[in-house]
Structures are given as C-alpha cells and as structure tokens.
Protein backbone atom coordinates (compact mmCIF):
# COMPACT_ATOMS: atom_id res chain seq x y z
CA MET A 1 96.50 54.59 63.97
CA GLN A 2 94.07 57.58 64.62
CA ALA A 3 94.21 59.99 67.94
CA GLY A 4 90.54 59.93 68.33
CA SER A 5 87.34 61.09 66.22
CA ILE A 6 85.90 64.63 66.46
CA LEU A 7 82.37 65.53 65.66
CA VAL A 8 82.06 69.15 64.75
CA ALA A 9 79.08 71.25 64.45
CA ASP A 10 78.80 74.89 63.40
CA ASP A 11 76.51 76.45 60.94
CA ASP A 12 79.30 78.63 59.67
CA ALA A 13 81.03 76.68 56.53
CA ALA A 14 84.22 78.77 56.94
CA ILE A 15 84.77 77.68 60.68
CA ARG A 16 83.84 73.96 59.73
CA THR A 17 86.42 74.06 57.13
CA VAL A 18 89.25 75.58 59.20
CA LEU A 19 88.36 73.17 62.16
CA ASN A 20 88.42 70.25 59.83
CA GLN A 21 91.93 71.07 58.50
CA ALA A 22 93.43 71.75 61.87
CA LEU A 23 92.05 68.87 63.63
CA SER A 24 93.09 66.69 60.76
CA ARG A 25 96.75 67.98 60.46
CA ALA A 26 96.79 66.95 64.38
CA GLY A 27 95.89 63.32 63.48
CA TYR A 28 92.12 63.14 64.57
CA GLU A 29 89.34 62.16 62.23
CA VAL A 30 86.64 64.50 61.81
CA ARG A 31 83.15 64.63 60.96
CA SER A 32 81.40 68.03 60.44
CA THR A 33 77.82 69.19 60.12
CA GLY A 34 75.97 72.69 60.10
CA ASN A 35 73.01 71.65 62.34
CA ALA A 36 72.26 70.18 65.67
CA THR A 37 69.92 67.58 64.30
CA THR A 38 72.80 65.55 62.46
CA LEU A 39 74.94 66.03 65.60
CA TRP A 40 72.42 64.52 67.86
CA ARG A 41 72.13 61.54 65.42
CA TRP A 42 75.87 60.79 65.36
CA VAL A 43 76.06 61.04 69.32
CA SER A 44 72.89 58.64 69.44
CA GLN A 45 74.58 56.16 67.43
CA GLY A 46 77.58 56.10 69.47
CA GLU A 47 79.88 57.81 66.86
CA GLY A 48 82.52 60.53 68.01
CA ASP A 49 85.25 60.39 71.00
CA LEU A 50 84.62 64.39 71.35
CA VAL A 51 82.20 67.08 70.41
CA ILE A 52 82.83 70.61 69.37
CA THR A 53 79.82 72.53 68.85
CA ASP A 54 78.71 76.17 68.40
CA VAL A 55 76.05 77.37 71.02
CA VAL A 56 73.52 79.03 68.70
CA MET A 57 72.71 76.44 65.97
CA PRO A 58 69.75 77.00 63.41
CA ASP A 59 67.54 74.14 64.91
CA GLU A 60 68.50 73.92 68.56
CA ASN A 61 70.50 75.82 71.12
CA ALA A 62 73.50 73.59 72.30
CA PHE A 63 72.71 74.32 75.78
CA ASP A 64 69.32 72.52 75.33
CA MET A 65 71.05 69.61 73.76
CA LEU A 66 73.95 69.06 76.18
CA PRO A 67 71.96 67.66 79.17
CA ARG A 68 70.69 64.97 76.51
CA ILE A 69 74.33 64.16 75.63
CA LYS A 70 75.26 64.13 79.08
CA LYS A 71 72.50 61.73 80.14
CA LEU A 72 73.28 59.28 77.03
CA ARG A 73 76.84 59.49 76.98
CA PRO A 74 78.37 61.09 80.41
CA GLU A 75 81.95 60.36 79.45
CA LEU A 76 81.72 61.93 75.97
CA PRO A 77 83.55 65.48 76.57
CA VAL A 78 81.79 68.37 74.56
CA VAL A 79 83.92 71.65 73.71
CA VAL A 80 81.34 74.48 73.06
CA MET A 81 82.23 77.63 71.31
CA SER A 82 80.50 81.01 71.23
CA ALA A 83 80.35 84.59 69.87
CA GLN A 84 78.18 85.69 73.13
CA ASN A 85 81.11 85.95 75.03
CA THR A 86 79.95 86.87 78.50
CA LEU A 87 80.41 85.11 81.96
CA MET A 88 77.01 83.87 81.90
CA THR A 89 78.01 81.82 78.57
CA ALA A 90 80.93 80.45 80.43
CA ILE A 91 78.94 79.52 83.52
CA ARG A 92 76.26 77.85 81.58
CA ALA A 93 78.62 75.86 79.73
CA SER A 94 80.30 74.59 82.58
CA GLU A 95 76.93 73.82 84.57
CA LYS A 96 75.31 72.33 81.24
CA GLY A 97 78.11 69.66 81.49
CA ALA A 98 80.58 70.95 78.70
CA TYR A 99 84.38 70.08 79.05
CA ASP A 100 85.43 73.60 78.19
CA TYR A 101 84.13 76.73 76.68
CA LEU A 102 85.84 78.82 73.64
CA PRO A 103 85.11 82.63 73.08
CA LYS A 104 84.93 83.25 69.13
CA PRO A 105 87.16 84.07 67.50
CA PHE A 106 89.49 81.26 69.23
CA ASP A 107 93.13 80.26 68.72
CA LEU A 108 93.32 76.98 67.27
CA LYS A 109 96.48 76.01 68.96
CA GLU A 110 94.42 76.54 72.32
CA LEU A 111 91.61 74.55 70.53
CA ILE A 112 94.16 71.47 69.74
CA ALA A 113 95.40 71.44 73.20
CA ILE A 114 91.75 71.74 74.89
CA VAL A 115 90.97 68.56 72.41
CA GLY A 116 94.08 66.49 73.55
CA ARG A 117 93.40 67.32 77.34
CA ALA A 118 89.87 66.12 77.04
CA LEU A 119 90.66 62.94 75.27
CA SER A 120 93.43 62.18 77.74
CA GLU A 121 91.81 63.10 81.07
CA PRO A 122 88.64 61.43 82.64
CA LYS A 123 86.17 63.90 83.79
CA GLY A 124 83.37 63.85 86.37
CA LYS A 125 79.77 65.23 85.61
CA PRO A 126 79.51 68.52 87.04
CA ALA A 127 76.37 69.89 88.54
CA VAL A 128 73.72 71.39 86.38
CA ARG A 129 71.64 74.53 87.05
CA SER A 130 69.71 76.50 84.52
CA SER A 131 69.83 80.38 84.58
CA ASP A 132 68.76 83.00 82.55
CA GLU A 133 70.43 85.99 84.18
CA ALA A 134 72.99 86.94 81.72
CA GLU A 135 71.47 90.81 81.56
CA ASN A 136 72.24 91.05 85.46
CA MET A 137 75.84 89.53 85.43
CA PRO A 138 78.02 91.85 87.37
CA LEU A 139 81.19 91.39 85.09
CA VAL A 140 81.14 93.07 81.79
CA GLY A 141 83.64 92.75 78.72
CA ARG A 142 84.23 90.62 75.65
CA SER A 143 88.21 91.32 75.49
CA ALA A 144 90.44 88.37 75.55
CA ALA A 145 91.51 89.38 79.04
CA MET A 146 87.89 89.26 80.40
CA GLN A 147 87.13 85.82 78.26
CA GLU A 148 90.06 84.13 80.33
CA ILE A 149 88.83 85.21 83.49
CA TYR A 150 85.27 84.06 82.79
CA ARG A 151 86.53 80.68 81.95
CA VAL A 152 88.57 80.47 85.14
CA LEU A 153 85.55 81.48 87.12
CA ALA A 154 83.27 78.83 85.45
CA ARG A 155 85.80 76.36 86.58
CA LEU A 156 85.74 77.55 90.02
CA MET A 157 81.96 77.90 90.78
CA GLN A 158 81.41 74.56 91.81
CA THR A 159 84.79 74.17 93.87
CA ASP A 160 85.68 75.48 97.37
CA LEU A 161 89.04 76.44 96.43
CA THR A 162 90.74 79.42 97.84
CA VAL A 163 90.97 82.32 95.44
CA MET A 164 93.43 85.27 95.54
CA ILE A 165 92.10 88.01 93.42
CA SER A 166 94.70 90.67 92.49
CA GLY A 167 94.31 94.12 90.61
CA GLU A 168 94.47 97.69 90.91
CA SER A 169 91.76 99.77 92.90
CA GLY A 170 88.60 99.84 90.83
CA THR A 171 88.91 96.91 88.77
CA GLY A 172 86.08 95.14 90.26
CA LYS A 173 87.85 92.58 92.73
CA GLU A 174 84.51 92.26 95.00
CA LEU A 175 82.23 91.77 91.86
CA VAL A 176 84.53 88.88 91.07
CA ALA A 177 84.41 87.35 94.67
CA ARG A 178 80.51 88.02 94.55
CA ALA A 179 79.96 86.12 91.32
CA LEU A 180 81.84 83.32 92.76
CA HIS A 181 79.64 82.87 95.46
CA ASP A 182 76.19 83.94 93.84
CA TYR A 183 76.80 81.30 90.95
CA GLY A 184 78.61 78.75 93.16
CA LYS A 185 77.36 75.96 95.36
CA ARG A 186 77.64 78.13 98.73
CA ARG A 187 75.07 80.43 96.99
CA SER A 188 72.42 79.61 99.60
CA GLY A 189 74.84 80.93 102.52
CA ALA A 190 76.07 84.28 103.31
CA PHE A 191 78.26 86.31 101.49
CA VAL A 192 80.18 88.56 104.10
CA ALA A 193 82.78 91.06 103.28
CA ILE A 194 85.69 92.81 105.52
CA ASN A 195 87.87 95.32 104.33
CA MET A 196 91.14 95.24 106.14
CA ALA A 197 91.94 98.68 105.52
CA ALA A 198 88.89 99.99 106.71
CA ILE A 199 89.16 98.62 110.22
CA PRO A 200 91.11 99.59 113.02
CA ARG A 201 93.99 97.37 113.55
CA ASP A 202 93.15 96.62 117.13
CA LEU A 203 89.79 95.36 116.39
CA ILE A 204 90.32 93.29 113.59
CA GLU A 205 90.72 90.07 115.00
CA SER A 206 87.57 90.92 117.15
CA GLU A 207 85.79 91.82 113.84
CA LEU A 208 86.91 88.44 112.03
CA PHE A 209 86.49 85.83 114.97
CA GLY A 210 84.31 87.67 117.46
CA HIS A 211 84.77 88.24 121.15
CA GLU A 212 83.60 87.28 124.59
CA LYS A 213 81.87 89.38 126.93
CA GLY A 214 84.67 90.99 129.18
CA ALA A 215 87.40 90.08 126.55
CA PHE A 216 88.73 93.65 126.73
CA THR A 217 87.65 97.04 127.64
CA GLY A 218 84.41 97.89 126.10
CA ALA A 219 83.17 94.57 125.38
CA ASN A 220 80.09 94.62 127.21
CA THR A 221 78.44 91.75 125.35
CA ARG A 222 79.25 88.73 123.38
CA SER A 223 79.88 89.73 119.61
CA VAL A 224 79.57 87.58 116.67
CA GLY A 225 82.63 87.52 114.15
CA ARG A 226 82.41 87.64 110.33
CA PHE A 227 83.50 83.68 110.26
CA GLU A 228 80.55 83.06 112.11
CA GLN A 229 78.18 85.23 110.14
CA ALA A 230 79.73 83.72 106.94
CA GLU A 231 79.23 80.11 108.05
CA GLY A 232 78.42 77.93 104.85
CA GLY A 233 79.07 80.61 102.67
CA THR A 234 81.69 82.88 101.43
CA LEU A 235 83.97 85.52 103.57
CA PHE A 236 85.66 87.88 101.24
CA LEU A 237 88.74 89.27 102.79
CA ASP A 238 89.35 92.50 101.07
CA GLU A 239 92.79 94.24 101.13
CA ILE A 240 94.18 91.19 102.65
CA GLY A 241 97.63 93.04 102.55
CA ASP A 242 96.83 95.53 105.28
CA MET A 243 96.08 92.71 107.87
CA PRO A 244 98.22 93.17 110.82
CA MET A 245 100.69 90.09 111.68
CA GLU A 246 98.92 88.97 114.76
CA ALA A 247 95.51 88.51 112.87
CA GLN A 248 97.60 86.95 109.79
CA THR A 249 98.92 84.31 112.66
CA ARG A 250 95.22 83.51 113.71
CA LEU A 251 93.94 83.23 110.05
CA LEU A 252 96.67 80.81 109.01
CA ARG A 253 95.77 78.72 112.15
CA VAL A 254 91.98 78.65 110.93
CA LEU A 255 93.19 77.70 107.43
CA GLN A 256 95.37 74.81 108.59
CA GLN A 257 93.09 73.45 111.33
CA GLY A 258 89.55 74.42 110.19
CA GLU A 259 88.56 75.94 113.67
CA TYR A 260 89.20 79.32 115.46
CA THR A 261 88.56 80.64 119.06
CA THR A 262 86.85 83.92 119.57
CA VAL A 263 88.98 86.69 121.14
CA GLY A 264 88.73 85.93 125.06
CA GLY A 265 87.16 82.59 124.41
CA ARG A 266 88.91 79.12 124.95
CA THR A 267 86.54 76.64 123.12
CA PRO A 268 87.57 75.90 119.61
CA ILE A 269 84.79 76.74 116.78
CA LYS A 270 84.67 74.56 113.90
CA THR A 271 84.38 76.84 110.57
CA ASP A 272 82.78 75.80 107.28
CA VAL A 273 83.31 78.85 104.97
CA ARG A 274 85.10 79.66 101.56
CA ILE A 275 87.73 82.01 101.68
CA VAL A 276 88.43 84.63 98.86
CA ALA A 277 90.89 87.12 99.35
CA ALA A 278 91.89 90.39 97.30
CA THR A 279 94.69 92.86 97.17
CA ASN A 280 95.84 95.76 95.19
CA LYS A 281 99.34 95.19 96.87
CA ASP A 282 102.31 93.11 95.68
CA LEU A 283 102.31 90.64 98.48
CA ARG A 284 105.52 89.01 97.48
CA VAL A 285 106.89 92.71 98.24
CA LEU A 286 105.18 92.77 101.70
CA ILE A 287 106.81 89.08 102.30
CA GLN A 288 110.38 90.46 101.66
CA GLN A 289 109.83 93.79 104.09
CA GLY A 290 108.53 91.03 106.87
CA LEU A 291 104.78 92.59 106.52
CA PHE A 292 102.86 89.46 105.52
CA ARG A 293 103.73 85.83 106.16
CA GLU A 294 104.75 83.74 103.40
CA ASP A 295 102.99 80.73 104.63
CA LEU A 296 99.68 82.53 104.66
CA PHE A 297 100.25 83.81 101.32
CA PHE A 298 100.74 79.90 99.90
CA ARG A 299 97.55 78.95 101.81
CA LEU A 300 95.69 82.08 100.42
CA ASN A 301 97.11 81.90 96.94
CA VAL A 302 95.70 78.53 95.89
CA VAL A 303 94.20 79.89 92.65
CA PRO A 304 95.50 83.35 91.65
CA LEU A 305 93.28 85.55 89.55
CA ARG A 306 94.83 88.70 87.89
CA LEU A 307 91.97 91.51 87.17
CA PRO A 308 93.70 93.71 84.32
CA PRO A 309 93.29 97.53 84.95
CA LEU A 310 90.70 98.88 82.21
CA ARG A 311 93.60 100.54 80.21
CA GLU A 312 94.54 96.99 79.14
CA ARG A 313 91.32 96.23 78.02
CA ALA A 314 90.14 99.30 76.42
CA GLU A 315 87.67 97.44 73.86
CA ASP A 316 85.45 96.89 77.11
CA VAL A 317 84.91 100.40 77.71
CA PRO A 318 82.08 100.72 75.02
CA ASP A 319 80.13 97.72 76.45
CA LEU A 320 81.00 98.94 80.06
CA ALA A 321 79.56 102.33 79.52
CA ARG A 322 76.33 101.30 77.81
CA HIS A 323 75.86 98.85 80.85
CA PHE A 324 76.36 101.80 83.42
CA PHE A 325 73.97 104.04 81.55
CA LYS A 326 71.25 101.09 81.70
CA LEU A 327 71.95 100.80 85.21
CA VAL A 328 71.49 104.80 86.13
CA GLU A 329 68.43 104.59 83.76
CA ARG A 330 66.77 101.97 86.06
CA GLU A 331 67.48 104.01 89.04
CA GLY A 332 65.19 106.87 87.41
CA LEU A 333 68.11 108.83 85.50
CA PRO A 334 67.04 110.01 81.83
CA PRO A 335 68.48 107.76 79.17
CA LYS A 336 71.44 108.60 77.63
CA HIS A 337 74.03 106.93 74.79
CA LEU A 338 77.23 108.02 73.46
CA ASP A 339 77.87 109.06 69.72
CA VAL A 340 81.09 107.45 67.73
CA SER A 341 83.68 110.17 68.59
CA ALA A 342 82.66 109.84 72.18
CA VAL A 343 83.37 106.35 72.55
CA GLU A 344 86.51 106.65 70.82
CA ARG A 345 87.67 109.42 73.48
CA LEU A 346 86.71 107.08 76.21
CA LYS A 347 88.81 104.38 74.75
CA ARG A 348 91.77 106.64 74.60
CA HIS A 349 91.39 107.57 78.08
CA ARG A 350 94.04 105.83 80.66
CA TRP A 351 91.36 105.46 83.62
CA PRO A 352 93.61 105.45 86.50
CA GLY A 353 90.57 105.02 88.68
CA ASN A 354 89.49 101.77 86.17
CA VAL A 355 85.83 100.27 86.12
CA ARG A 356 84.97 102.63 89.07
CA GLU A 357 86.11 105.82 87.46
CA LEU A 358 84.34 104.89 84.30
CA GLU A 359 80.95 104.21 86.59
CA ASN A 360 81.23 107.35 88.35
CA LEU A 361 81.58 109.52 84.92
CA VAL A 362 78.52 107.94 83.39
CA ARG A 363 76.64 108.89 86.70
CA ARG A 364 77.82 112.47 86.11
CA LEU A 365 76.97 112.61 82.68
CA SER A 366 73.39 111.48 83.29
CA ALA A 367 72.67 113.55 86.21
CA LEU A 368 74.30 116.83 84.45
CA TYR A 369 73.69 116.85 80.94
CA PRO A 370 70.24 117.22 79.45
CA GLN A 371 70.75 115.95 75.98
CA GLU A 372 70.50 112.25 75.21
CA THR A 373 73.20 111.91 72.86
CA LEU A 374 76.69 112.77 74.76
CA THR A 375 79.68 114.08 72.34
CA ALA A 376 83.42 113.76 72.44
CA ALA A 377 83.28 117.61 73.35
CA ILE A 378 81.37 116.59 76.60
CA ILE A 379 83.55 113.79 77.49
CA GLU A 380 86.81 115.96 76.98
CA GLN A 381 85.11 118.26 79.35
CA GLU A 382 84.43 116.11 82.13
CA LEU A 383 87.54 114.06 81.86
CA ALA A 384 89.63 117.34 82.01
CA THR A 385 87.75 118.11 84.99
CA SER A 386 88.22 114.88 86.64
CA GLU A 387 91.99 114.90 85.74
CA THR A 388 92.54 118.21 87.62
CA MET A 389 91.36 116.30 91.07
CA PRO A 390 94.02 113.50 92.16
CA LEU A 391 92.43 110.10 92.77
CA GLU A 392 94.53 109.53 95.49
CA SER A 393 96.95 111.73 97.39
CA GLU A 394 100.42 110.98 97.59
CA ASN A 395 100.54 111.90 100.87
CA PRO A 396 97.33 111.27 102.65
CA SER A 397 98.08 112.55 106.10
CA ASP A 398 99.11 116.01 104.63
CA GLU A 399 96.03 116.42 102.55
CA THR A 400 93.74 115.27 105.89
CA LEU A 401 95.49 117.82 107.84
CA SER A 402 95.31 120.53 105.52
CA ALA A 403 91.63 119.64 104.93
CA SER A 404 91.19 119.84 108.63
CA VAL A 405 92.70 123.15 109.05
CA GLU A 406 90.64 124.63 106.52
CA ARG A 407 87.36 123.13 107.62
CA HIS A 408 88.45 124.66 111.22
CA MET A 409 89.26 128.06 109.77
CA THR A 410 85.82 127.97 107.95
CA ARG A 411 84.25 127.16 111.18
CA TYR A 412 85.91 130.09 113.21
CA PHE A 413 85.76 132.74 110.51
CA GLY A 414 82.65 131.78 108.82
CA LYS A 415 82.26 132.20 105.10
CA PHE A 416 85.18 134.51 104.60
CA GLY A 417 83.60 137.06 107.33
CA GLU A 418 84.74 140.37 107.93
CA GLU A 419 84.81 139.86 111.70
CA LEU A 420 87.58 138.19 113.58
CA PRO A 421 87.27 135.38 115.76
CA PRO A 422 87.70 135.60 119.43
CA PRO A 423 91.16 135.42 120.73
CA GLY A 424 93.02 131.79 121.26
CA LEU A 425 92.55 130.60 117.68
CA TYR A 426 95.79 128.66 117.49
CA HIS A 427 95.01 126.68 120.72
CA ARG A 428 91.38 125.89 119.68
CA ILE A 429 92.65 124.50 116.34
CA LEU A 430 95.73 122.92 117.83
CA ARG A 431 93.54 121.05 120.46
CA ASP A 432 90.93 119.95 117.73
CA ILE A 433 94.06 118.42 115.71
CA GLU A 434 96.30 116.98 118.57
CA GLU A 435 93.37 114.81 119.92
CA PRO A 436 92.75 112.42 116.67
CA LEU A 437 96.50 112.59 115.82
CA ILE A 438 97.42 111.20 119.35
CA GLY A 439 94.56 108.90 119.10
CA ALA A 440 95.65 107.76 115.54
CA ALA A 441 99.25 107.14 117.01
CA LEU A 442 97.93 105.17 120.28
CA ALA A 443 95.94 102.99 117.81
CA ALA A 444 98.92 102.41 115.59
CA THR A 445 101.09 101.28 118.67
CA ARG A 446 98.19 99.26 120.43
CA GLY A 447 98.02 101.71 123.37
CA ASN A 448 102.16 101.54 123.82
CA GLN A 449 102.58 105.00 125.06
CA ILE A 450 106.46 104.85 124.77
CA LYS A 451 106.08 103.68 121.10
CA ALA A 452 103.59 106.30 120.39
CA ALA A 453 105.83 109.03 121.88
CA GLU A 454 108.66 107.69 119.64
CA LEU A 455 106.07 107.93 116.58
CA LEU A 456 104.92 111.48 117.45
CA GLY A 457 108.33 112.62 118.23
CA VAL A 458 107.49 113.93 121.53
CA ASN A 459 108.69 113.35 125.09
CA ARG A 460 106.88 110.42 127.18
CA ASN A 461 105.97 112.74 129.84
CA THR A 462 104.57 115.26 127.17
CA LEU A 463 102.32 112.73 125.85
CA ARG A 464 101.02 111.40 129.10
CA LYS A 465 100.04 115.10 129.88
CA LYS A 466 98.23 115.31 126.75
CA ILE A 467 96.51 112.28 127.10
CA ARG A 468 95.34 113.42 130.52
CA ASP A 469 94.45 116.88 129.73
CA LEU A 470 92.61 115.86 126.53
CA ASP A 471 90.97 112.90 128.33
CA ILE A 472 92.07 110.40 125.46
CA GLN A 473 91.12 107.00 126.12
CA VAL A 474 93.94 104.44 125.88
CA ILE A 475 92.65 100.99 124.59
CA ARG A 476 95.40 98.18 124.94
CA SER A 477 96.13 95.64 122.43
CA ILE A 478 93.70 92.71 122.06
CA ARG A 479 95.23 89.43 122.46
C-alpha cells in the first residue's frame, strides 16, 4: 500500500528527476510537472495528498497560487522550495499557508522527513498577510545557518511563545527580536526594549514595572514601566544575564501569574505582552554560579534561538557588505562597491565584532575613501587599523580609570602646555576620581555602606567621612 501521493512542480527537470527518485524510494506515488497550470489542474481534481512546489514557475508564482489551493483544499499540505533564500521568503511561505519552506539546495533526507510529518500531522490554517518588503528586511544572509533561523522565525511569527536569543555581541539579537514583532501578530502594538546591562541595578525594577509617587527617595511622580509601555506588544529584555536576583524573582512571578505590581504599589496589574529575551552569556553557567534563577531560565527558554557569529557564516559577508553599502548610500554617502579581491579579504577576516563590526567598517570605507571601487589593499589597511584597537577591554575598570586620569591631565596641563598647573594636582584629580568610584560601590551594594567599605577595602568610618566630605547622595535599595 502506498504511503501517499505527492504532486511535484518545478521547472527544473533535474530537480523533478531527483525528487521523483527519492520520494518513490520512500514509498510515495509521485506525479511531477514543470508548470503551475498542470499543478492547479491536479489539485482541482482532488489529486495528491501533498504538494511540493518551487516558488518561481514559468507561468505563475506559487505564492499567488497558494491562497487558491488553501481555499479549495485547506487540509492539503504544501511544501514550497525557493532559491530566493531570504527571511521574507520564509515568512511569506508561512503566511500564505505553506506547511514548510525549504531553501535550495535542499537536503533530501530533510525533505523526506518533512513529507512524513506533513502527512501524519493535521495542520491548521495560518493567517495570511501579503507583503513585498523583502528589500527592507533587517536580516541578511543565504548561508545554511541563516536559512534555519529564517524557517524558525517564520514558524514563530504567529505565536506568542517566549523566545530566548543567544549569541555573541554584534550578531543582531535585537534585529531578530524586532523581526519577530514587526512581522508577527503583535505588530500593531509597541516594541519596547530594555538593556539590563545599561541600567543601574537599583533602578531595574522601577524601569520594568514602574513606580508610585513616594515609593523611594526621588520618586516625585508616578512613573510608567516598560511592561505597561509594551502592553499588547513585545517586550525585549536584552542582556538578561545581567538582571539582578531581586528583579529576576519579580519577573518570574509575572511570567507565572500574568500580573505585576509597581514599585510601591499594592494593586496587581494584568499584563499582556510577548517576552523576547537575549543574552551573550551562558546562562547555565550563571545558574551554577548562583547568579541566575533556574526556574526563570526555563520560563524564558521556551524557544531557544542561537545566532551564529559571522565567522561561522563567512559566505554571508558579501551580501551583508552590499546591504550596508546600500544603507549608507541612502543616508547620503557616495556609492561604493568591492572588487573580487576585497570580497575575498573580508571573507577571511575573523570578525570578533560580528555583523556590527562589518557595518562600522562599511561606514568608514564609504566616508573616508573617494574611489568608488574598493580593493583588497584598502580593506587590509582598514582591518589592520581596527585590529590595533581592542573591541572590549579585558579589564574595563582599569581602562576607565586610565582614561579618566589622562582626561584630567589634559584638562589641567592643557595640550602639553609648557606651564605647570597650580599646586594640589594630586588632591584635585583624586577627588574627581573618588566621587564616582564611591558612588559606583554604593550603587553595587544598594546603599549598604558596610558592604561598600568592604568592596573598596577602606575603613567604614573613612567611607562615611568621604561620603560626607564629597556630599555623595546615598540611595537605598528599592524594594
């Protein structure tokens, strides 16, 4: 007994032959054609248990035919193939009602597996939304790694599932979050982003949930939090690994109960937001170190999505470079393009800063070089310059202090002036550095002067005297 009947439509005879052989060996009955007209006739006559079709056909685009197929036979699964391997292709396939999308060239084993699932699992009819926005898609790349990301994103667009995006800095985690929102069912709502690493730890709970007037020193008015701002839309929690434990506990409660209270408030507020989180850290390591709640991790990690670093998808570098050159040209910079040698040099680079580093390089090239065609020699020169400047300091605090001292030396001496500044330079610079250093220690310990003194390695009485002499305001922990 046959496992099922498959209709194949592709104008490439070689692909039809390969599919016929592979599907027949798997036990399916196969009929194939090179045009959409014949495929539509077979579908109209009730033939086939599943359709596999190329998007671009000589007589009709499969995306134009898909709505008619779904209207006539809504339970007939359709798998679309395309050499136009962009995120928009995957999204349109999903929105037009396709069961799945396969980029060309495809893996035959994967195709057979998809056919098996499609014939054994009932599928509902997804929402349909037309779009011609492929040129403005935020994600670029045709590598196998990006194709898999496109397919996953297309499946997630019409859901409210919580997504955890992981990847190195500069890989485009916020772009993925925005794509999930902009092309999903919550696109009419707000997209609100908050970076946990960029907000003082004492203020994160207030930023997320808002606060009432008088909730803490300085709270002179009621403040709206990010959850309230994102109501009905998407809340993007970037660098979630930097969220302090107290805020993690409150966030877990929101995810479990669907409600929260403002800082200083007592009335629970119902919330309806989609959560997308992102991290460049290994959260499992943080869990082992006691820095991240395991139960919160499982609540956030419903759909894990890893963005590969650019070095793992070097074949995407030319497309990305062209994309960025077009962007900066629209911003008013002169048009540029890379010769073959320049492209090859870019593909060999390790890209420690990932896609962000490539975009910055393109902007420099467009602004600094008058020639329209850029060569490998120019690329080599720019990459050599950028590699002499570390992207991230191994000891940020030392770098910050050194930069601060140099800034103050320039301020007091001028531009290598010949005259010495007035006496007392040591105490003036020391005061300028002491105040923010003590303030940072107090912020890290939530205003606990005993812990701050231990952190700084000074006597508690010395710290109290410094706070008084420097007139540093101590803000207590927000509860």
